[in-house]
Amino acid sequence: MKDLMTELRISLAAVISLAIILCGIYPLLVRICAQGFFPSQANGSLIMRSNKIVGSSLISQGFIDSQYFHPRPSSAGQGYDPVASGGSNLGPISKKLVEDVKQRVVDFRKENRLPDNVPIPADAVTGSASGLDPHISVKNALLQAPRVAKIRGLSEKTVLAEIERYTEGRDLGFLGEPGVNVLILNMELDKILK
């Protein structure tokens, strides 16, 4: 019985010690370091306009107006819902996925007035795994540029310069492809109009 009580005391002390360290001290240290070294990222990489939060540079938004660059398609909730992040979960042999992509290709060509021989980038017609990827490929942005320039009454050269200005390189210099953050690009184009 004495051994059992000793083991119980040791176990209880270990549980309490670990709870204090892992549920109190460690999260506090992570928070202090995050706020000290990466305050923007730790607070959601929020984008402000006129002292109002308009979005996050990490989460896509559904721009549907023709004057804006459009993000990747989204299956998150009703579309671009950060609470319901996720892909469509349709596999490559899914008939619905094939039909959806074919329709998106037709819609993308029509909206951007592209001939049938112009290849459409995959990110223009397929969603990301999260449904919230804020970036589009440079090729996707370049294909949308003439439409955006025409509707906004800007020169195509001005819009292409903004795409180049807001193109982000590969992660760590070698992972993935360069991309353009749709929200930031659209916000900068809005500034040009004013």
C-alpha atoms as a PDB file:
ATOM      1  CA  MET A   1       0.000   0.000   0.000  1.00  0.00           C
ATOM      2  CA  LYS A   2       2.897   2.324   0.835  1.00  0.00           C
ATOM      3  CA  ASP A   3       4.443   1.707  -2.609  1.00  0.00           C
ATOM      4  CA  LEU A   4       1.126   2.474  -4.282  1.00  0.00           C
ATOM      5  CA  MET A   5       0.829   5.801  -2.472  1.00  0.00           C
ATOM      6  CA  THR A   6       4.409   6.695  -3.425  1.00  0.00           C
ATOM      7  CA  GLU A   7       3.751   5.867  -7.082  1.00  0.00           C
ATOM      8  CA  LEU A   8       0.502   7.843  -6.971  1.00  0.00           C
ATOM      9  CA  ARG A   9       2.282  10.895  -5.514  1.00  0.00           C
ATOM     10  CA  ILE A  10       5.015  10.685  -8.186  1.00  0.00           C
ATOM     11  CA  SER A  11       2.424  10.314 -10.970  1.00  0.00           C
ATOM     12  CA  LEU A  12       0.337  13.208  -9.664  1.00  0.00           C
ATOM     13  CA  ALA A  13       3.420  15.428  -9.344  1.00  0.00           C
ATOM     14  CA  ALA A  14       4.442  14.544 -12.918  1.00  0.00           C
ATOM     15  CA  VAL A  15       0.953  15.318 -14.295  1.00  0.00           C
ATOM     16  CA  ILE A  16       0.762  18.652 -12.441  1.00  0.00           C
ATOM     17  CA  SER A  17       4.313  19.611 -13.484  1.00  0.00           C
ATOM     18  CA  LEU A  18       3.667  18.753 -17.142  1.00  0.00           C
ATOM     19  CA  ALA A  19       0.329  20.589 -17.081  1.00  0.00           C
ATOM     20  CA  ILE A  20       2.011  23.743 -15.763  1.00  0.00           C
ATOM     21  CA  ILE A  21       4.854  23.506 -18.301  1.00  0.00           C
ATOM     22  CA  LEU A  22       2.857  22.420 -21.373  1.00  0.00           C
ATOM     23  CA  CYS A  23      -0.389  24.303 -20.726  1.00  0.00           C
ATOM     24  CA  GLY A  24       1.048  27.455 -19.180  1.00  0.00           C
ATOM     25  CA  ILE A  25       4.746  28.181 -19.551  1.00  0.00           C
ATOM     26  CA  TYR A  26       5.282  26.813 -23.087  1.00  0.00           C
ATOM     27  CA  PRO A  27       2.264  28.594 -24.688  1.00  0.00           C
ATOM     28  CA  LEU A  28       3.259  31.823 -22.918  1.00  0.00           C
ATOM     29  CA  LEU A  29       6.822  31.588 -24.280  1.00  0.00           C
ATOM     30  CA  VAL A  30       5.546  30.851 -27.804  1.00  0.00           C
ATOM     31  CA  ARG A  31       3.186  33.835 -27.612  1.00  0.00           C
ATOM     32  CA  ILE A  32       5.921  36.169 -26.352  1.00  0.00           C
ATOM     33  CA  CYS A  33       8.338  35.026 -29.083  1.00  0.00           C
ATOM     34  CA  ALA A  34       5.681  35.232 -31.818  1.00  0.00           C
ATOM     35  CA  GLN A  35       4.593  38.739 -30.788  1.00  0.00           C
ATOM     36  CA  GLY A  36       8.215  39.843 -30.405  1.00  0.00           C
ATOM     37  CA  PHE A  37       9.660  38.440 -33.635  1.00  0.00           C
ATOM     38  CA  PHE A  38       6.646  37.955 -35.959  1.00  0.00           C
ATOM     39  CA  PRO A  39       3.829  40.263 -34.772  1.00  0.00           C
ATOM     40  CA  SER A  40       2.073  40.542 -38.157  1.00  0.00           C
ATOM     41  CA  GLN A  41       1.999  36.795 -38.765  1.00  0.00           C
ATOM     42  CA  ALA A  42       1.049  36.043 -35.153  1.00  0.00           C
ATOM     43  CA  ASN A  43      -1.969  38.315 -35.493  1.00  0.00           C
ATOM     44  CA  GLY A  44      -3.220  36.828 -38.778  1.00  0.00           C
ATOM     45  CA  SER A  45      -1.324  38.961 -41.344  1.00  0.00           C
ATOM     46  CA  LEU A  46      -4.278  41.350 -41.416  1.00  0.00           C
ATOM     47  CA  ILE A  47      -4.523  44.010 -44.117  1.00  0.00           C
ATOM     48  CA  MET A  48      -5.906  47.380 -43.067  1.00  0.00           C
ATOM     49  CA  ARG A  49      -7.470  50.096 -45.205  1.00  0.00           C
ATOM     50  CA  SER A  50      -8.731  53.344 -43.632  1.00  0.00           C
ATOM     51  CA  ASN A  51      -8.250  51.836 -40.153  1.00  0.00           C
ATOM     52  CA  LYS A  52     -10.533  48.929 -41.081  1.00  0.00           C
ATOM     53  CA  ILE A  53      -9.575  45.282 -41.537  1.00  0.00           C
ATOM     54  CA  VAL A  54     -10.266  44.279 -45.140  1.00  0.00           C
ATOM     55  CA  GLY A  55      -8.730  40.835 -45.106  1.00  0.00           C
ATOM     56  CA  SER A  56      -5.668  38.733 -44.480  1.00  0.00           C
ATOM     57  CA  SER A  57      -2.775  38.224 -46.855  1.00  0.00           C
ATOM     58  CA  LEU A  58      -3.021  34.515 -45.974  1.00  0.00           C
ATOM     59  CA  ILE A  59      -6.672  33.903 -46.916  1.00  0.00           C
ATOM     60  CA  SER A  60      -8.276  34.244 -50.331  1.00  0.00           C
ATOM     61  CA  GLN A  61     -11.419  36.242 -50.927  1.00  0.00           C
ATOM     62  CA  GLY A  62     -14.022  35.731 -53.619  1.00  0.00           C
ATOM     63  CA  PHE A  63     -13.630  38.570 -56.105  1.00  0.00           C
ATOM     64  CA  ILE A  64     -16.306  38.192 -58.770  1.00  0.00           C
ATOM     65  CA  ASP A  65     -16.491  41.679 -60.296  1.00  0.00           C
ATOM     66  CA  SER A  66     -14.782  41.792 -63.715  1.00  0.00           C
ATOM     67  CA  GLN A  67     -12.570  44.728 -62.709  1.00  0.00           C
ATOM     68  CA  TYR A  68     -10.744  42.486 -60.228  1.00  0.00           C
ATOM     69  CA  PHE A  69      -8.299  39.639 -60.618  1.00  0.00           C
ATOM     70  CA  HIS A  70     -10.049  36.437 -59.619  1.00  0.00           C
ATOM     71  CA  PRO A  71      -8.563  33.903 -57.183  1.00  0.00           C
ATOM     72  CA  ARG A  72      -8.510  30.141 -57.535  1.00  0.00           C
ATOM     73  CA  PRO A  73     -11.877  28.407 -57.313  1.00  0.00           C
ATOM     74  CA  SER A  74     -12.837  27.478 -53.749  1.00  0.00           C
ATOM     75  CA  SER A  75     -14.782  24.611 -52.201  1.00  0.00           C
ATOM     76  CA  ALA A  76     -14.464  26.046 -48.679  1.00  0.00           C
ATOM     77  CA  GLY A  77     -18.026  26.295 -47.361  1.00  0.00           C
ATOM     78  CA  GLN A  78     -20.003  28.480 -49.758  1.00  0.00           C
ATOM     79  CA  GLY A  79     -16.655  29.573 -51.192  1.00  0.00           C
ATOM     80  CA  TYR A  80     -13.713  31.270 -49.480  1.00  0.00           C
ATOM     81  CA  ASP A  81     -15.113  30.552 -45.998  1.00  0.00           C
ATOM     82  CA  PRO A  82     -12.165  30.317 -43.567  1.00  0.00           C
ATOM     83  CA  VAL A  83     -14.305  28.469 -41.023  1.00  0.00           C
ATOM     84  CA  ALA A  84     -15.003  25.694 -43.539  1.00  0.00           C
ATOM     85  CA  SER A  85     -11.533  25.388 -45.073  1.00  0.00           C
ATOM     86  CA  GLY A  86     -11.095  22.383 -47.306  1.00  0.00           C
ATOM     87  CA  GLY A  87     -10.966  21.089 -50.828  1.00  0.00           C
ATOM     88  CA  SER A  88     -13.703  19.386 -52.793  1.00  0.00           C
ATOM     89  CA  ASN A  89     -12.204  15.957 -52.008  1.00  0.00           C
ATOM     90  CA  LEU A  90     -13.043  14.878 -55.552  1.00  0.00           C
ATOM     91  CA  GLY A  91     -10.446  12.520 -57.032  1.00  0.00           C
ATOM     92  CA  PRO A  92      -8.867  12.690 -60.498  1.00  0.00           C
ATOM     93  CA  ILE A  93     -11.312  10.154 -61.931  1.00  0.00           C
ATOM     94  CA  SER A  94     -14.366  11.910 -60.494  1.00  0.00           C
ATOM     95  CA  LYS A  95     -16.896  12.692 -63.216  1.00  0.00           C
ATOM     96  CA  LYS A  96     -18.077  15.776 -61.299  1.00  0.00           C
ATOM     97  CA  LEU A  97     -14.530  17.137 -61.014  1.00  0.00           C
ATOM     98  CA  VAL A  98     -13.926  16.639 -64.740  1.00  0.00           C
ATOM     99  CA  GLU A  99     -17.217  18.393 -65.578  1.00  0.00           C
ATOM    100  CA  ASP A 100     -16.486  21.255 -63.142  1.00  0.00           C
ATOM    101  CA  VAL A 101     -13.012  21.825 -64.579  1.00  0.00           C
ATOM    102  CA  LYS A 102     -14.296  21.726 -68.176  1.00  0.00           C
ATOM    103  CA  GLN A 103     -16.940  24.333 -67.310  1.00  0.00           C
ATOM    104  CA  ARG A 104     -14.400  26.507 -65.510  1.00  0.00           C
ATOM    105  CA  VAL A 105     -12.119  26.395 -68.571  1.00  0.00           C
ATOM    106  CA  VAL A 106     -15.014  27.545 -70.768  1.00  0.00           C
ATOM    107  CA  ASP A 107     -15.930  30.297 -68.290  1.00  0.00           C
ATOM    108  CA  PHE A 108     -12.313  31.464 -67.912  1.00  0.00           C
ATOM    109  CA  ARG A 109     -11.837  31.638 -71.699  1.00  0.00           C
ATOM    110  CA  LYS A 110     -15.105  33.516 -72.152  1.00  0.00           C
ATOM    111  CA  GLU A 111     -14.518  36.014 -69.347  1.00  0.00           C
ATOM    112  CA  ASN A 112     -10.966  36.772 -70.465  1.00  0.00           C
ATOM    113  CA  ARG A 113     -11.717  36.539 -74.216  1.00  0.00           C
ATOM    114  CA  LEU A 114      -9.107  33.883 -74.844  1.00  0.00           C
ATOM    115  CA  PRO A 115      -8.946  31.794 -78.005  1.00  0.00           C
ATOM    116  CA  ASP A 116      -9.173  28.005 -77.805  1.00  0.00           C
ATOM    117  CA  ASN A 117      -5.440  27.540 -78.484  1.00  0.00           C
ATOM    118  CA  VAL A 118      -4.312  29.406 -75.325  1.00  0.00           C
ATOM    119  CA  PRO A 119      -3.485  26.947 -72.523  1.00  0.00           C
ATOM    120  CA  ILE A 120      -5.305  27.687 -69.254  1.00  0.00           C
ATOM    121  CA  PRO A 121      -3.203  27.380 -66.082  1.00  0.00           C
ATOM    122  CA  ALA A 122      -4.360  24.649 -63.695  1.00  0.00           C
ATOM    123  CA  ASP A 123      -4.772  27.103 -60.809  1.00  0.00           C
ATOM    124  CA  ALA A 124      -7.373  29.049 -62.806  1.00  0.00           C
ATOM    125  CA  VAL A 125      -9.727  26.067 -62.895  1.00  0.00           C
ATOM    126  CA  THR A 126      -8.870  23.935 -59.853  1.00  0.00           C
ATOM    127  CA  GLY A 127      -9.088  24.757 -56.168  1.00  0.00           C
ATOM    128  CA  SER A 128      -6.298  24.409 -53.646  1.00  0.00           C
ATOM    129  CA  ALA A 129      -6.407  21.824 -50.862  1.00  0.00           C
ATOM    130  CA  SER A 130      -7.582  24.440 -48.359  1.00  0.00           C
ATOM    131  CA  GLY A 131      -9.853  26.322 -50.770  1.00  0.00           C
ATOM    132  CA  LEU A 132      -8.296  29.508 -49.356  1.00  0.00           C
ATOM    133  CA  ASP A 133      -4.981  29.893 -51.224  1.00  0.00           C
ATOM    134  CA  PRO A 134      -4.528  33.670 -51.640  1.00  0.00           C
ATOM    135  CA  HIS A 135      -2.132  33.346 -54.591  1.00  0.00           C
ATOM    136  CA  ILE A 136      -2.551  32.716 -58.282  1.00  0.00           C
ATOM    137  CA  SER A 137       0.216  31.833 -60.702  1.00  0.00           C
ATOM    138  CA  VAL A 138       1.894  34.578 -62.694  1.00  0.00           C
ATOM    139  CA  LYS A 139       0.556  32.965 -65.905  1.00  0.00           C
ATOM    140  CA  ASN A 140      -2.995  33.123 -64.505  1.00  0.00           C
ATOM    141  CA  ALA A 141      -2.542  36.804 -63.611  1.00  0.00           C
ATOM    142  CA  LEU A 142      -1.101  37.619 -67.048  1.00  0.00           C
ATOM    143  CA  LEU A 143      -4.110  36.036 -68.776  1.00  0.00           C
ATOM    144  CA  GLN A 144      -6.511  38.120 -66.650  1.00  0.00           C
ATOM    145  CA  ALA A 145      -4.525  41.368 -67.087  1.00  0.00           C
ATOM    146  CA  PRO A 146      -6.062  42.550 -70.411  1.00  0.00           C
ATOM    147  CA  ARG A 147      -9.619  42.191 -69.024  1.00  0.00           C
ATOM    148  CA  VAL A 148      -8.781  44.020 -65.803  1.00  0.00           C
ATOM    149  CA  ALA A 149      -6.934  46.798 -67.650  1.00  0.00           C
ATOM    150  CA  LYS A 150      -9.763  47.330 -70.136  1.00  0.00           C
ATOM    151  CA  ILE A 151     -12.539  47.436 -67.534  1.00  0.00           C
ATOM    152  CA  ARG A 152     -10.560  49.747 -65.240  1.00  0.00           C
ATOM    153  CA  GLY A 153      -9.559  52.033 -68.086  1.00  0.00           C
ATOM    154  CA  LEU A 154      -5.874  51.479 -67.391  1.00  0.00           C
ATOM    155  CA  SER A 155      -3.111  50.669 -69.822  1.00  0.00           C
ATOM    156  CA  GLU A 156      -2.156  47.032 -69.959  1.00  0.00           C
ATOM    157  CA  LYS A 157       1.427  48.118 -69.253  1.00  0.00           C
ATOM    158  CA  THR A 158       0.317  49.628 -65.908  1.00  0.00           C
ATOM    159  CA  VAL A 159      -1.492  46.450 -64.876  1.00  0.00           C
ATOM    160  CA  LEU A 160       1.452  44.253 -65.938  1.00  0.00           C
ATOM    161  CA  ALA A 161       3.798  46.445 -63.891  1.00  0.00           C
ATOM    162  CA  GLU A 162       1.579  45.927 -60.826  1.00  0.00           C
ATOM    163  CA  ILE A 163       1.604  42.165 -61.399  1.00  0.00           C
ATOM    164  CA  GLU A 164       5.394  42.205 -61.574  1.00  0.00           C
ATOM    165  CA  ARG A 165       5.605  44.432 -58.495  1.00  0.00           C
ATOM    166  CA  TYR A 166       3.438  42.094 -56.398  1.00  0.00           C
ATOM    167  CA  THR A 167       4.799  38.774 -57.622  1.00  0.00           C
ATOM    168  CA  GLU A 168       6.196  36.846 -54.674  1.00  0.00           C
ATOM    169  CA  GLY A 169       9.102  34.464 -55.243  1.00  0.00           C
ATOM    170  CA  ARG A 170       9.423  30.804 -54.381  1.00  0.00           C
ATOM    171  CA  ASP A 171       9.212  29.868 -50.696  1.00  0.00           C
ATOM    172  CA  LEU A 172      12.724  29.626 -49.250  1.00  0.00           C
ATOM    173  CA  GLY A 173      13.983  30.416 -52.754  1.00  0.00           C
ATOM    174  CA  PHE A 174      13.306  26.947 -54.188  1.00  0.00           C
ATOM    175  CA  LEU A 175       9.880  25.621 -53.090  1.00  0.00           C
ATOM    176  CA  GLY A 176       6.828  26.030 -55.313  1.00  0.00           C
ATOM    177  CA  GLU A 177       6.345  28.586 -58.051  1.00  0.00           C
ATOM    178  CA  PRO A 178       6.218  32.383 -57.902  1.00  0.00           C
ATOM    179  CA  GLY A 179       2.704  33.668 -57.235  1.00  0.00           C
ATOM    180  CA  VAL A 180       0.650  36.837 -57.016  1.00  0.00           C
ATOM    181  CA  ASN A 181      -1.439  37.622 -53.924  1.00  0.00           C
ATOM    182  CA  VAL A 182      -4.859  38.470 -55.382  1.00  0.00           C
ATOM    183  CA  LEU A 183      -6.124  40.600 -52.476  1.00  0.00           C
ATOM    184  CA  ILE A 184      -3.001  42.768 -52.335  1.00  0.00           C
ATOM    185  CA  LEU A 185      -2.899  43.194 -56.135  1.00  0.00           C
ATOM    186  CA  ASN A 186      -6.586  44.178 -56.291  1.00  0.00           C
ATOM    187  CA  MET A 187      -6.177  46.646 -53.420  1.00  0.00           C
ATOM    188  CA  GLU A 188      -3.224  48.296 -55.156  1.00  0.00           C
ATOM    189  CA  LEU A 189      -5.188  48.571 -58.400  1.00  0.00           C
ATOM    190  CA  ASP A 190      -8.021  50.215 -56.455  1.00  0.00           C
ATOM    191  CA  LYS A 191      -5.529  52.837 -55.235  1.00  0.00           C
ATOM    192  CA  ILE A 192      -4.596  53.670 -58.844  1.00  0.00           C
ATOM    193  CA  LEU A 193      -8.224  54.475 -59.651  1.00  0.00           C
ATOM    194  CA  LYS A 194      -8.481  56.997 -56.822  1.00  0.00           C
END
